[in-house]
Structures are given as C-alpha cells and as structure tokens.
C-alpha atoms as a PDB file:
ATOM      1  CA  THR A   1    -100.800 -12.589-269.991  1.00  0.00           C
ATOM      2  CA  GLU A   2    -100.414 -15.928-271.387  1.00  0.00           C
ATOM      3  CA  ASN A   3    -104.056 -16.486-270.951  1.00  0.00           C
ATOM      4  CA  VAL A   4    -105.505 -13.119-272.377  1.00  0.00           C
ATOM      5  CA  PHE A   5    -102.870 -13.494-275.035  1.00  0.00           C
ATOM      6  CA  THR A   6    -104.446 -16.904-276.011  1.00  0.00           C
ATOM      7  CA  LEU A   7    -107.687 -15.723-275.605  1.00  0.00           C
ATOM      8  CA  ASN A   8    -107.422 -12.641-277.756  1.00  0.00           C
ATOM      9  CA  PHE A   9    -105.763 -14.860-280.250  1.00  0.00           C
ATOM     10  CA  HIS A  10    -108.741 -17.270-280.283  1.00  0.00           C
ATOM     11  CA  TYR A  11    -111.194 -14.318-280.419  1.00  0.00           C
ATOM     12  CA  LEU A  12    -109.430 -12.904-283.481  1.00  0.00           C
ATOM     13  CA  ALA A  13    -109.348 -16.070-284.890  1.00  0.00           C
ATOM     14  CA  ALA A  14    -112.774 -16.910-284.808  1.00  0.00           C
ATOM     15  CA  ALA A  15    -114.133 -13.335-285.162  1.00  0.00           C
ATOM     16  CA  PRO A  16    -115.021 -12.046-288.842  1.00  0.00           C
ATOM     17  CA  SER A  17    -112.847  -9.674-290.114  1.00  0.00           C
ATOM     18  CA  PRO A  18    -113.950  -6.075-290.928  1.00  0.00           C
ATOM     19  CA  SER A  19    -114.273  -7.217-295.171  1.00  0.00           C
ATOM     20  CA  SER A  20    -115.283 -10.137-295.112  1.00  0.00           C
ATOM     21  CA  VAL A  21    -118.520  -8.441-293.273  1.00  0.00           C
ATOM     22  CA  THR A  22    -119.003  -5.877-295.868  1.00  0.00           C
ATOM     23  CA  GLU A  23    -117.886  -7.786-298.863  1.00  0.00           C
ATOM     24  CA  GLY A  24    -119.089 -11.245-297.871  1.00  0.00           C
ATOM     25  CA  SER A  25    -115.624 -12.727-298.504  1.00  0.00           C
ATOM     26  CA  HIS A  26    -113.091 -15.006-296.674  1.00  0.00           C
ATOM     27  CA  ALA A  27    -110.280 -13.054-294.991  1.00  0.00           C
ATOM     28  CA  ASP A  28    -107.233 -12.700-296.981  1.00  0.00           C
ATOM     29  CA  PRO A  29    -104.388 -14.947-296.372  1.00  0.00           C
ATOM     30  CA  GLY A  30    -101.726 -11.830-296.134  1.00  0.00           C
ATOM     31  CA  GLY A  31    -103.931  -9.246-294.682  1.00  0.00           C
ATOM     32  CA  LEU A  32    -104.254  -7.548-291.586  1.00  0.00           C
ATOM     33  CA  GLU A  33    -105.569 -10.824-289.293  1.00  0.00           C
ATOM     34  CA  ALA A  34    -102.922 -13.074-290.673  1.00  0.00           C
ATOM     35  CA  SER A  35    -100.555 -10.548-289.751  1.00  0.00           C
ATOM     36  CA  LEU A  36    -101.801  -9.877-286.394  1.00  0.00           C
ATOM     37  CA  LEU A  37    -101.962 -13.582-285.801  1.00  0.00           C
ATOM     38  CA  GLN A  38     -98.621 -13.973-286.837  1.00  0.00           C
ATOM     39  CA  LEU A  39     -97.473 -11.363-284.420  1.00  0.00           C
ATOM     40  CA  LEU A  40     -99.422 -12.976-281.557  1.00  0.00           C
ATOM     41  CA  HIS A  41     -97.870 -16.400-282.422  1.00  0.00           C
ATOM     42  CA  ASP A  42     -94.223 -14.886-282.608  1.00  0.00           C
ATOM     43  CA  HIS A  43     -94.719 -12.945-279.031  1.00  0.00           C
ATOM     44  CA  HIS A  44     -96.015 -16.286-277.660  1.00  0.00           C
ATOM     45  CA  HIS A  45     -93.257 -17.874-278.907  1.00  0.00           C
ATOM     46  CA  ALA A  46     -90.694 -15.525-277.716  1.00  0.00           C
ATOM     47  CA  SER A  47     -92.326 -15.390-274.168  1.00  0.00           C
ATOM     48  CA  LEU A  48     -91.665 -18.749-273.789  1.00  0.00           C
ATOM     49  CA  THR A  49     -88.399 -19.003-274.988  1.00  0.00           C
ATOM     50  CA  LEU A  50     -87.527 -15.924-272.947  1.00  0.00           C
ATOM     51  CA  ARG A  51     -89.736 -18.151-269.961  1.00  0.00           C
ATOM     52  CA  GLN A  52     -87.773 -20.958-270.433  1.00  0.00           C
ATOM     53  CA  HIS A  53     -84.259 -19.137-270.817  1.00  0.00           C
ATOM     54  CA  THR A  54     -85.148 -17.020-267.391  1.00  0.00           C
ATOM     55  CA  ASP A  55     -86.226 -20.071-265.533  1.00  0.00           C
ATOM     56  CA  LYS A  56     -83.223 -21.941-266.632  1.00  0.00           C
ATOM     57  CA  ALA A  57     -80.642 -19.254-265.865  1.00  0.00           C
ATOM     58  CA  LYS A  58     -82.818 -18.955-262.442  1.00  0.00           C
ATOM     59  CA  ASN A  59     -82.680 -22.847-261.586  1.00  0.00           C
ATOM     60  CA  ASP A  60     -78.657 -22.140-262.562  1.00  0.00           C
ATOM     61  CA  ALA A  61     -78.416 -18.957-259.839  1.00  0.00           C
ATOM     62  CA  ILE A  62     -80.345 -21.180-257.087  1.00  0.00           C
ATOM     63  CA  LYS A  63     -77.563 -24.005-257.866  1.00  0.00           C
ATOM     64  CA  ILE A  64     -74.657 -21.913-258.018  1.00  0.00           C
ATOM     65  CA  ALA A  65     -76.200 -19.625-255.024  1.00  0.00           C
ATOM     66  CA  ALA A  66     -76.688 -23.109-252.662  1.00  0.00           C
ATOM     67  CA  ARG A  67     -73.316 -24.025-253.811  1.00  0.00           C
ATOM     68  CA  VAL A  68     -71.672 -20.776-253.047  1.00  0.00           C
ATOM     69  CA  SER A  69     -73.540 -20.894-249.312  1.00  0.00           C
ATOM     70  CA  ASN A  70     -72.503 -24.357-248.783  1.00  0.00           C
ATOM     71  CA  LEU A  71     -68.822 -23.790-249.536  1.00  0.00           C
ATOM     72  CA  LEU A  72     -69.054 -20.924-246.892  1.00  0.00           C
ATOM     73  CA  VAL A  73     -70.565 -22.897-244.624  1.00  0.00           C
ATOM     74  CA  GLU A  74     -68.251 -25.501-244.813  1.00  0.00           C
ATOM     75  CA  ALA A  75     -64.874 -22.923-244.930  1.00  0.00           C
ATOM     76  CA  VAL A  76     -67.264 -21.318-241.495  1.00  0.00           C
ATOM     77  CA  ASN A  77     -67.528 -24.780-239.749  1.00  0.00           C
ATOM     78  CA  GLY A  78     -64.137 -25.951-240.642  1.00  0.00           C
ATOM     79  CA  GLY A  79     -62.491 -22.875-238.728  1.00  0.00           C
ATOM     80  CA  VAL A  80     -65.225 -23.685-236.089  1.00  0.00           C
ATOM     81  CA  GLN A  81     -64.725 -27.308-235.820  1.00  0.00           C
ATOM     82  CA  GLU A  82     -61.040 -27.027-235.615  1.00  0.00           C
ATOM     83  CA  SER A  83     -61.403 -24.176-232.783  1.00  0.00           C
ATOM     84  CA  PHE A  84     -63.557 -26.686-230.801  1.00  0.00           C
ATOM     85  CA  ILE A  85     -61.485 -29.847-231.332  1.00  0.00           C
ATOM     86  CA  ASN A  86     -58.842 -27.257-229.726  1.00  0.00           C
ATOM     87  CA  GLU A  87     -60.998 -26.280-226.703  1.00  0.00           C
ATOM     88  CA  LYS A  88     -61.718 -29.983-225.956  1.00  0.00           C
ATOM     89  CA  ARG A  89     -57.397 -30.355-225.915  1.00  0.00           C
ATOM     90  CA  ILE A  90     -57.078 -27.314-224.029  1.00  0.00           C
ATOM     91  CA  GLU A  91     -59.547 -28.583-221.279  1.00  0.00           C
ATOM     92  CA  VAL A  92     -57.880 -31.792-221.176  1.00  0.00           C
ATOM     93  CA  GLU A  93     -54.438 -30.371-221.092  1.00  0.00           C
ATOM     94  CA  ILE A  94     -55.616 -28.113-217.697  1.00  0.00           C
ATOM     95  CA  ARG A  95     -57.467 -30.994-216.070  1.00  0.00           C
ATOM     96  CA  ALA A  96     -54.278 -33.052-216.294  1.00  0.00           C
ATOM     97  CA  LEU A  97     -52.297 -30.134-214.928  1.00  0.00           C
ATOM     98  CA  ALA A  98     -54.820 -29.368-212.354  1.00  0.00           C
ATOM     99  CA  SER A  99     -54.355 -33.085-211.472  1.00  0.00           C
ATOM    100  CA  THR A 100     -50.519 -32.497-211.706  1.00  0.00           C
ATOM    101  CA  ILE A 101     -50.662 -29.750-209.551  1.00  0.00           C
ATOM    102  CA  THR A 102     -52.683 -31.498-206.634  1.00  0.00           C
ATOM    103  CA  ARG A 103     -50.487 -33.815-206.314  1.00  0.00           C
ATOM    104  CA  PHE A 104     -47.458 -31.909-206.576  1.00  0.00           C
ATOM    105  CA  MET A 105     -49.030 -30.186-203.457  1.00  0.00           C
ATOM    106  CA  LYS A 106     -49.853 -32.962-201.683  1.00  0.00           C
ATOM    107  CA  GLN A 107     -46.183 -33.945-202.182  1.00  0.00           C
ATOM    108  CA  THR A 108     -44.976 -30.870-200.907  1.00  0.00           C
ATOM    109  CA  ASP A 109     -47.117 -30.824-198.126  1.00  0.00           C
ATOM    110  CA  GLN A 110     -45.295 -34.413-197.131  1.00  0.00           C
ATOM    111  CA  TRP A 111     -41.853 -32.830-197.915  1.00  0.00           C
ATOM    112  CA  LEU A 112     -42.931 -30.164-195.045  1.00  0.00           C
ATOM    113  CA  VAL A 113     -44.235 -32.646-192.634  1.00  0.00           C
ATOM    114  CA  ALA A 114     -40.795 -34.698-192.861  1.00  0.00           C
ATOM    115  CA  THR A 115     -38.708 -31.275-192.671  1.00  0.00           C
ATOM    116  CA  HIS A 116     -40.380 -30.154-189.606  1.00  0.00           C
ATOM    117  CA  SER A 117     -40.250 -33.428-187.999  1.00  0.00           C
ATOM    118  CA  LEU A 118     -36.152 -33.869-188.877  1.00  0.00           C
ATOM    119  CA  ASN A 119     -35.894 -30.153-187.475  1.00  0.00           C
ATOM    120  CA  THR A 120     -37.612 -31.045-184.316  1.00  0.00           C
ATOM    121  CA  ALA A 121     -35.608 -34.036-184.188  1.00  0.00           C
ATOM    122  CA  VAL A 122     -32.315 -32.243-184.828  1.00  0.00           C
ATOM    123  CA  LYS A 123     -33.225 -29.854-182.031  1.00  0.00           C
ATOM    124  CA  GLU A 124     -33.738 -32.343-179.876  1.00  0.00           C
ATOM    125  CA  ILE A 125     -30.466 -34.161-180.892  1.00  0.00           C
ATOM    126  CA  GLY A 126     -29.079 -30.439-179.914  1.00  0.00           C
ATOM    127  CA  ASP A 127     -30.881 -30.565-176.608  1.00  0.00           C
ATOM    128  CA  PHE A 128     -29.633 -33.580-175.357  1.00  0.00           C
ATOM    129  CA  GLU A 129     -26.023 -33.054-176.671  1.00  0.00           C
ATOM    130  CA  ASN A 130     -26.760 -29.691-173.912  1.00  0.00           C
ATOM    131  CA  TRP A 131     -27.823 -31.518-171.494  1.00  0.00           C
ATOM    132  CA  MET A 132     -25.380 -34.449-171.808  1.00  0.00           C
ATOM    133  CA  LYS A 133     -22.348 -31.614-171.460  1.00  0.00           C
ATOM    134  CA  ALA A 134     -24.084 -30.046-168.813  1.00  0.00           C
ATOM    135  CA  MET A 135     -24.271 -33.604-167.019  1.00  0.00           C
ATOM    136  CA  GLU A 136     -20.772 -34.214-167.814  1.00  0.00           C
ATOM    137  CA  TYR A 137     -19.267 -31.469-166.220  1.00  0.00           C
ATOM    138  CA  ASP A 138     -21.781 -31.249-163.151  1.00  0.00           C
ATOM    139  CA  CYS A 139     -20.171 -35.607-162.778  1.00  0.00           C
ATOM    140  CA  LYS A 140     -16.585 -34.136-163.319  1.00  0.00           C
ATOM    141  CA  SER A 141     -17.490 -31.189-160.999  1.00  0.00           C
ATOM    142  CA  ILE A 142     -19.057 -34.113-158.454  1.00  0.00           C
ATOM    143  CA  THR A 143     -16.063 -36.388-159.354  1.00  0.00           C
ATOM    144  CA  ALA A 144     -13.360 -33.387-158.513  1.00  0.00           C
ATOM    145  CA  ALA A 145     -15.469 -32.559-155.311  1.00  0.00           C
ATOM    146  CA  ILE A 146     -14.990 -36.124-153.976  1.00  0.00           C
ATOM    147  CA  HIS A 147     -11.647 -36.507-155.069  1.00  0.00           C
ATOM    148  CA  ASN A 148     -10.674 -33.090-153.058  1.00  0.00           C
ATOM    149  CA  ILE A 149     -12.764 -34.747-149.800  1.00  0.00           C
ATOM    150  CA  HIS A 150     -11.014 -37.893-150.152  1.00  0.00           C
ATOM    151  CA  GLN A 151      -7.690 -36.378-150.220  1.00  0.00           C
ATOM    152  CA  GLU A 152      -8.262 -34.277-147.169  1.00  0.00           C
END
C-alpha cells in the first residue's frame, strides 16, 4: 500500500491539474491539488508513525512473551530438576538398603547354621549323657551281680 500511495503521490504531483489545462496557468498553492498532496503526505506520515509504534509494541510484546516463557520454563524445570535429584537420591538409598538387606540375610543364614550346629551338639551331649547313665546302670548292675556271686 505504501508504494501505491507513493506512486499516486508522484502521479498527482506530475500531472497537470484540470484548471491549469483549461486556463493555461499554474496550480493554485492553496487549491485542491495542494490539499490532496498535503492529505497524502499526512496519511503517509501517520502510517509511518503508526507502523513504528506497532513495530515497537510488537517487539516489546515479543520480548515480554519470551521473558514469560523463560520464567515458566525455569519454574517447571526447577521442579523437574528437584524431582530428578530426589529420584537419584532415592535410587542410591534403595541400593544401599538392598546391600544391607543382603548382608543381613547372609548373617542370618550364618546364625541359623551356627544355632543348628549348637542344637545338634547339645542333642549329642544329651544322647551321650543318656548313654553314660545307661552304662553306669549297667556297670552297677554288673558290679552288684559280681558282688553277689562273690559273696555266695
């Protein structure tokens, strides 16, 4: 549109006015042609000013939108980053707990084996004690029988 107005402006400035063609004189400086040229010039100036204000407002809006976008991304990323750090800490704690559980399971198995061995030894001691009592009874019986035989 700017080029169309510029071309029309140049055309109007170069073309002879109807009054100059019929009368053979130059255009009146305060006439219709001057008014049109002034209107065209004012319109062009207003368009440029409006375009400058629009471009400035557009650039300001883009800068503000970019800033808001960056702030939103930082806010979201901050929470995501904190969650990611917490997740890594939890994973480290889970590995440590799994290692501790494995170690305690091995110790528990060792204690079970040791207590089973101790129970077996205690049973064997009890069996040995019963065997000894039986042997003592048998020995006393044999001694009493020998003593009875010897006295007769």
